[in-house]
Amino acid sequence: MVRQAARSIRVHLPRSLGGIDRARVPPRVRQFELSLPRRAGAAEIGPATLNVTASGDLWAPRRLEQAGLANYEPETLACFLAVLEHARPGAVLDIGANVGIYGLVAAARSHRPVYAFEPTPELAATARHLATINDLPLEVVELAMSNHSGTASLRLSSNSDASNSLAPGFRPEFGRVRVRVDTLSHWRERAGAYPAVLKLDTETTEPDVIAGGLEVLRQFRPWVFCEVLPDRGVEERLMALLEPLDYTWHQLSDELPCPARNVIDGHGPTPDQRMWLFAPTPPTDELWERTREWRRALKVCEPG
């Protein structure tokens, strides 16, 4: 409300007094349809599009309205959709969900139980709203995953709501909010879930999430999609945690198949390609071929 009020004043001011161009002011509410991919030959599950209604200030809805799923981490989404078809039965956990795009796609294109974990209240409320208006069985859990249970300060990034983090100093912050924190292992015991696919994007605290879920990885062997940002000490901690678990590590990129790597390195082929696949068994040729098919399906999911 404060941002909107400030903008309504600044559009009438000259640039020398802090005025802004009216054309660059985001709408109060952003509404659009988001095309979803369908793989040729796959069973027709779920809707063809998602209805998106969200605050005009939020990063992910703005990016999706401008670029569509065709340009929203397509190399990761394609492999994610292929793994949903390939992995053993079990739940999908989208940890660090933001407005829940991965969870919504999983709910729309599989019959798996899907949980989206997001500690930022506004983002969690948006994810819950999107699941409701699209009639998708996505359960939103307003919780931060880490290596301990209790509460912690979530740093609200002044750069983007996609950069909120529990990590001190990760991004310039404009405020903090106290949030509930738990470990993946404790949550799983309470929920009685059987994780088969995990997506982790928690802005440099991914090793803490893994550390709090080692028992889950040992017992259930889920496929793990994990963002790895460079120069934050994340790579070394992830390797130390994962080496005893006999996972293979694959940096997701335009190259298919994505070869197994001996070292986890956050410097991706491009700045947008920071996601890794941690595979409990070596990916098969069939999995990579399904990934290619999903990439072709994503290419037509353009905006508008």
Protein backbone atom coordinates (compact mmCIF):
# COMPACT_ATOMS: atom_id res chain seq x y z
CA MET A 1 0.00 0.00 0.00
CA VAL A 2 2.88 2.36 0.83
CA ARG A 3 4.59 1.58 -2.50
CA GLN A 4 1.40 2.20 -4.44
CA ALA A 5 0.76 5.50 -2.63
CA ALA A 6 4.32 6.69 -3.26
CA ARG A 7 4.07 5.84 -6.95
CA SER A 8 0.76 7.65 -7.34
CA ILE A 9 2.53 10.81 -6.14
CA ARG A 10 5.81 10.34 -8.00
CA VAL A 11 4.20 9.95 -11.44
CA HIS A 12 3.14 13.60 -11.15
CA LEU A 13 6.60 14.89 -10.18
CA PRO A 14 9.44 15.95 -12.50
CA ARG A 15 12.43 13.61 -12.71
CA SER A 16 14.57 16.14 -10.78
CA LEU A 17 12.27 15.69 -7.78
CA GLY A 18 12.14 11.88 -7.94
CA GLY A 19 9.39 11.55 -10.53
CA ILE A 20 8.95 8.26 -12.40
CA ASP A 21 7.60 7.33 -15.80
CA ARG A 22 3.94 6.28 -15.52
CA ALA A 23 4.54 3.53 -18.11
CA ARG A 24 7.05 1.85 -15.79
CA VAL A 25 4.72 1.61 -12.80
CA PRO A 26 3.53 -1.98 -12.34
CA PRO A 27 -0.20 -2.62 -12.10
CA ARG A 28 -1.74 -2.99 -8.67
CA VAL A 29 -2.95 -6.47 -9.68
CA ARG A 30 -1.45 -8.59 -12.46
CA GLN A 31 -3.87 -10.93 -14.29
CA PHE A 32 -3.01 -13.25 -17.19
CA GLU A 33 -3.21 -16.83 -18.46
CA LEU A 34 -0.04 -18.93 -18.38
CA SER A 35 0.24 -21.68 -21.01
CA LEU A 36 1.30 -25.08 -19.64
CA PRO A 37 3.26 -27.65 -21.65
CA ARG A 38 1.91 -30.99 -22.84
CA ARG A 39 4.37 -33.66 -23.91
CA ALA A 40 3.49 -35.39 -27.17
CA GLY A 41 2.24 -38.88 -26.39
CA ALA A 42 1.77 -38.25 -22.66
CA ALA A 43 -1.54 -38.77 -20.86
CA GLU A 44 -3.60 -35.56 -20.79
CA ILE A 45 -3.47 -34.54 -17.15
CA GLY A 46 -4.61 -31.19 -15.80
CA PRO A 47 -5.51 -27.86 -17.41
CA ALA A 48 -3.97 -26.34 -20.54
CA THR A 49 -3.36 -23.00 -18.80
CA LEU A 50 -3.06 -21.48 -15.36
CA ASN A 51 -5.00 -18.39 -14.36
CA VAL A 52 -2.60 -16.05 -12.59
CA THR A 53 -3.83 -13.22 -10.37
CA ALA A 54 -1.19 -11.67 -8.15
CA SER A 55 0.19 -8.41 -6.86
CA GLY A 56 1.81 -6.39 -9.62
CA ASP A 57 4.98 -6.01 -7.54
CA LEU A 58 5.86 -9.72 -7.30
CA TRP A 59 8.87 -10.88 -9.32
CA ALA A 60 7.77 -14.32 -10.56
CA PRO A 61 4.34 -13.29 -11.93
CA ARG A 62 5.96 -10.33 -13.71
CA ARG A 63 8.61 -12.59 -15.26
CA LEU A 64 6.03 -15.17 -16.32
CA GLU A 65 3.72 -12.59 -17.88
CA GLN A 66 6.63 -11.18 -19.88
CA ALA A 67 8.38 -14.43 -20.84
CA GLY A 68 6.04 -17.40 -20.28
CA LEU A 69 7.24 -20.84 -19.17
CA ALA A 70 9.19 -21.10 -22.44
CA ASN A 71 11.75 -18.71 -20.93
CA TYR A 72 11.39 -19.49 -17.23
CA GLU A 73 14.23 -21.91 -16.34
CA PRO A 74 13.25 -24.19 -19.28
CA GLU A 75 16.22 -26.56 -18.90
CA THR A 76 15.23 -27.20 -15.26
CA LEU A 77 11.47 -27.36 -15.83
CA ALA A 78 11.91 -29.87 -18.65
CA CYS A 79 14.03 -32.21 -16.51
CA PHE A 80 11.70 -31.68 -13.55
CA LEU A 81 8.70 -32.77 -15.63
CA ALA A 82 10.63 -35.78 -16.96
CA VAL A 83 11.58 -36.84 -13.43
CA LEU A 84 7.93 -36.56 -12.34
CA GLU A 85 7.19 -39.31 -14.88
CA HIS A 86 10.33 -41.32 -14.03
CA ALA A 87 10.63 -41.29 -10.23
CA ARG A 88 9.02 -43.89 -8.00
CA PRO A 89 5.62 -43.04 -6.47
CA GLY A 90 5.77 -40.36 -3.82
CA ALA A 91 5.37 -36.69 -3.03
CA VAL A 92 6.84 -33.58 -4.66
CA LEU A 93 8.29 -30.98 -2.29
CA ASP A 94 8.91 -27.47 -3.65
CA ILE A 95 11.14 -25.91 -0.96
CA GLY A 96 11.61 -22.18 -1.37
CA ALA A 97 8.54 -22.07 -3.57
CA ASN A 98 8.02 -18.30 -3.94
CA VAL A 99 4.53 -18.16 -5.54
CA GLY A 100 4.66 -21.92 -6.17
CA ILE A 101 5.33 -22.25 -9.90
CA TYR A 102 7.12 -25.61 -9.69
CA GLY A 103 4.53 -26.95 -7.30
CA LEU A 104 1.65 -25.73 -9.47
CA VAL A 105 3.20 -27.32 -12.58
CA ALA A 106 3.71 -30.59 -10.69
CA ALA A 107 0.09 -30.55 -9.46
CA ALA A 108 -1.14 -29.82 -12.99
CA ARG A 109 0.94 -32.52 -14.73
CA SER A 110 1.03 -35.41 -12.25
CA HIS A 111 -1.15 -37.23 -9.76
CA ARG A 112 1.45 -36.93 -6.99
CA PRO A 113 0.87 -35.20 -3.64
CA VAL A 114 2.54 -31.79 -3.91
CA TYR A 115 3.72 -29.49 -1.10
CA ALA A 116 5.06 -25.94 -1.54
CA PHE A 117 7.16 -24.52 1.33
CA GLU A 118 7.38 -20.72 1.45
CA PRO A 119 8.03 -18.68 4.63
CA THR A 120 7.31 -15.20 3.18
CA PRO A 121 3.68 -14.53 4.17
CA GLU A 122 2.69 -12.61 1.02
CA LEU A 123 4.25 -15.18 -1.30
CA ALA A 124 2.71 -18.12 0.57
CA ALA A 125 -0.71 -16.44 0.40
CA THR A 126 -0.27 -15.91 -3.36
CA ALA A 127 0.70 -19.56 -3.92
CA ARG A 128 -2.34 -20.68 -1.91
CA HIS A 129 -4.59 -18.34 -3.93
CA LEU A 130 -3.23 -19.61 -7.27
CA ALA A 131 -3.81 -23.22 -6.23
CA THR A 132 -7.39 -22.38 -5.22
CA ILE A 133 -8.42 -20.45 -8.33
CA ASN A 134 -6.94 -23.16 -10.56
CA ASP A 135 -8.47 -25.99 -8.51
CA LEU A 136 -5.09 -27.71 -8.10
CA PRO A 137 -4.24 -29.98 -5.13
CA LEU A 138 -1.21 -28.02 -3.96
CA GLU A 139 -0.71 -27.81 -0.19
CA VAL A 140 1.14 -24.62 0.78
CA VAL A 141 3.19 -24.89 3.98
CA GLU A 142 4.21 -21.51 5.45
CA LEU A 143 7.53 -22.76 6.79
CA ALA A 144 11.27 -22.28 6.21
CA MET A 145 13.32 -25.48 5.95
CA SER A 146 16.73 -25.53 7.63
CA ASN A 147 18.95 -27.66 9.90
CA HIS A 148 17.06 -26.87 13.12
CA SER A 149 13.56 -26.34 14.48
CA GLY A 150 12.16 -23.16 16.02
CA THR A 151 11.99 -19.65 14.60
CA ALA A 152 14.37 -17.43 12.64
CA SER A 153 14.56 -14.02 10.98
CA LEU A 154 13.78 -14.06 7.28
CA ARG A 155 15.63 -11.22 5.56
CA LEU A 156 13.39 -9.45 3.06
CA SER A 157 15.51 -8.48 0.08
CA SER A 158 15.36 -4.94 -1.26
CA ASN A 159 16.41 -6.33 -4.67
CA SER A 160 13.53 -8.75 -5.26
CA ASP A 161 11.07 -10.91 -3.36
CA ALA A 162 12.81 -13.85 -5.09
CA SER A 163 15.92 -13.13 -2.96
CA ASN A 164 14.44 -13.37 0.54
CA SER A 165 16.71 -15.56 2.66
CA LEU A 166 17.53 -16.76 6.13
CA ALA A 167 21.22 -16.10 5.35
CA PRO A 168 22.58 -12.88 6.89
CA GLY A 169 24.08 -10.49 4.34
CA PHE A 170 22.94 -12.40 1.28
CA ARG A 171 21.23 -9.36 -0.25
CA PRO A 172 20.55 -5.79 0.92
CA GLU A 173 17.47 -6.00 3.12
CA PHE A 174 14.60 -3.62 3.79
CA GLY A 175 13.16 -5.54 6.71
CA ARG A 176 12.84 -8.84 8.54
CA VAL A 177 9.99 -11.10 9.53
CA ARG A 178 10.03 -13.83 12.15
CA VAL A 179 9.14 -17.19 10.60
CA ARG A 180 8.75 -20.80 11.68
CA VAL A 181 11.67 -23.10 10.87
CA ASP A 182 11.87 -26.89 10.82
CA THR A 183 13.94 -29.69 9.37
CA LEU A 184 12.83 -31.77 6.44
CA SER A 185 13.14 -34.95 8.51
CA HIS A 186 10.93 -33.66 11.33
CA TRP A 187 8.31 -32.31 8.93
CA ARG A 188 8.18 -35.60 7.01
CA GLU A 189 7.59 -37.57 10.19
CA ARG A 190 4.68 -35.33 11.18
CA ALA A 191 3.13 -35.20 7.71
CA GLY A 192 3.63 -38.89 6.91
CA ALA A 193 4.80 -37.95 3.40
CA TYR A 194 7.05 -40.11 1.20
CA PRO A 195 9.23 -37.67 -0.78
CA ALA A 196 10.15 -38.71 -4.32
CA VAL A 197 11.10 -35.35 -5.90
CA LEU A 198 12.55 -32.28 -4.15
CA LYS A 199 13.19 -28.79 -5.56
CA LEU A 200 15.39 -26.58 -3.39
CA ASP A 201 15.82 -22.85 -3.98
CA THR A 202 16.40 -21.12 -0.66
CA GLU A 203 18.97 -18.47 -1.60
CA THR A 204 22.25 -20.01 -0.31
CA THR A 205 20.81 -22.03 2.59
CA GLU A 206 20.33 -25.20 0.50
CA PRO A 207 23.09 -27.05 2.45
CA ASP A 208 21.16 -26.40 5.68
CA VAL A 209 18.04 -27.92 4.10
CA ILE A 210 20.01 -30.98 2.99
CA ALA A 211 21.62 -31.29 6.45
CA GLY A 212 18.17 -31.24 8.05
CA GLY A 213 16.93 -33.90 5.62
CA LEU A 214 19.80 -36.39 5.46
CA GLU A 215 17.61 -39.15 6.88
CA VAL A 216 15.03 -38.44 4.16
CA LEU A 217 17.68 -38.73 1.44
CA ARG A 218 19.07 -41.94 2.94
CA GLN A 219 15.68 -43.61 3.40
CA PHE A 220 13.61 -42.39 0.45
CA ARG A 221 16.28 -41.53 -2.15
CA PRO A 222 14.36 -38.63 -3.75
CA TRP A 223 15.51 -36.91 -6.93
CA VAL A 224 16.76 -33.46 -5.94
CA PHE A 225 16.78 -30.25 -8.00
CA CYS A 226 18.96 -27.69 -6.22
CA GLU A 227 20.01 -24.13 -6.99
CA VAL A 228 23.73 -23.59 -6.44
CA LEU A 229 24.86 -19.95 -6.33
CA PRO A 230 28.60 -19.34 -6.73
CA ASP A 231 31.10 -17.80 -4.34
CA ARG A 232 28.97 -18.36 -1.23
CA GLY A 233 30.59 -21.54 0.10
CA VAL A 234 27.54 -23.55 -0.93
CA GLU A 235 29.39 -25.93 -3.27
CA GLU A 236 31.83 -27.30 -0.68
CA ARG A 237 29.13 -27.88 1.91
CA LEU A 238 26.86 -29.66 -0.57
CA MET A 239 29.66 -31.98 -1.69
CA ALA A 240 30.54 -32.86 1.91
CA LEU A 241 26.90 -33.72 2.65
CA LEU A 242 26.17 -35.63 -0.57
CA GLU A 243 29.35 -37.66 -1.06
CA PRO A 244 28.42 -40.35 1.51
CA LEU A 245 24.94 -40.74 -0.03
CA ASP A 246 26.04 -42.09 -3.43
CA TYR A 247 24.14 -39.52 -5.53
CA THR A 248 25.38 -38.42 -8.95
CA TRP A 249 25.59 -34.69 -9.67
CA HIS A 250 24.43 -33.15 -12.97
CA GLN A 251 24.56 -29.45 -13.86
CA LEU A 252 21.42 -28.68 -15.88
CA SER A 253 22.06 -26.80 -19.10
CA ASP A 254 21.19 -26.83 -22.80
CA GLU A 255 23.51 -29.83 -23.20
CA LEU A 256 21.71 -33.19 -23.18
CA PRO A 257 22.40 -35.61 -21.70
CA CYS A 258 23.83 -33.65 -18.78
CA PRO A 259 26.97 -35.56 -17.75
CA ALA A 260 27.77 -36.51 -14.18
CA ARG A 261 30.23 -34.10 -12.55
CA ASN A 262 32.95 -34.78 -9.99
CA VAL A 263 32.71 -31.27 -8.54
CA ILE A 264 29.69 -29.06 -7.80
CA ASP A 265 30.33 -25.59 -9.20
CA GLY A 266 27.87 -22.70 -8.98
CA HIS A 267 29.28 -20.98 -12.07
CA GLY A 268 26.78 -22.21 -14.65
CA PRO A 269 26.99 -22.02 -18.45
CA THR A 270 24.90 -18.83 -18.20
CA PRO A 271 23.94 -16.68 -15.18
CA ASP A 272 20.38 -18.09 -15.37
CA GLN A 273 21.51 -21.74 -15.30
CA ARG A 274 22.29 -22.40 -11.64
CA MET A 275 20.23 -25.55 -11.05
CA TRP A 276 21.70 -29.01 -10.44
CA LEU A 277 20.12 -32.45 -10.47
CA PHE A 278 21.26 -34.73 -7.65
CA ALA A 279 20.22 -38.18 -8.86
CA PRO A 280 19.81 -41.20 -6.54
CA THR A 281 20.54 -43.48 -9.52
CA PRO A 282 22.32 -42.57 -12.77
CA PRO A 283 19.79 -40.98 -15.17
CA THR A 284 18.85 -43.27 -18.04
CA ASP A 285 18.78 -42.49 -21.75
CA GLU A 286 14.98 -42.66 -21.52
CA LEU A 287 14.96 -39.91 -18.87
CA TRP A 288 17.09 -37.61 -21.04
CA GLU A 289 14.88 -38.32 -24.06
CA ARG A 290 11.79 -37.40 -22.00
CA THR A 291 13.61 -34.21 -21.01
CA ARG A 292 14.12 -33.38 -24.70
CA GLU A 293 10.41 -33.97 -25.34
CA TRP A 294 9.41 -31.67 -22.49
CA ARG A 295 11.77 -28.99 -23.80
CA ARG A 296 10.01 -29.11 -27.14
CA ALA A 297 6.67 -28.83 -25.35
CA LEU A 298 7.90 -25.83 -23.34
CA LYS A 299 9.04 -23.95 -26.43
CA VAL A 300 5.44 -23.23 -27.41
CA CYS A 301 4.54 -21.85 -23.95
CA GLU A 302 5.15 -18.26 -24.96
CA PRO A 303 3.52 -15.29 -23.20
CA GLY A 304 0.08 -14.17 -24.32
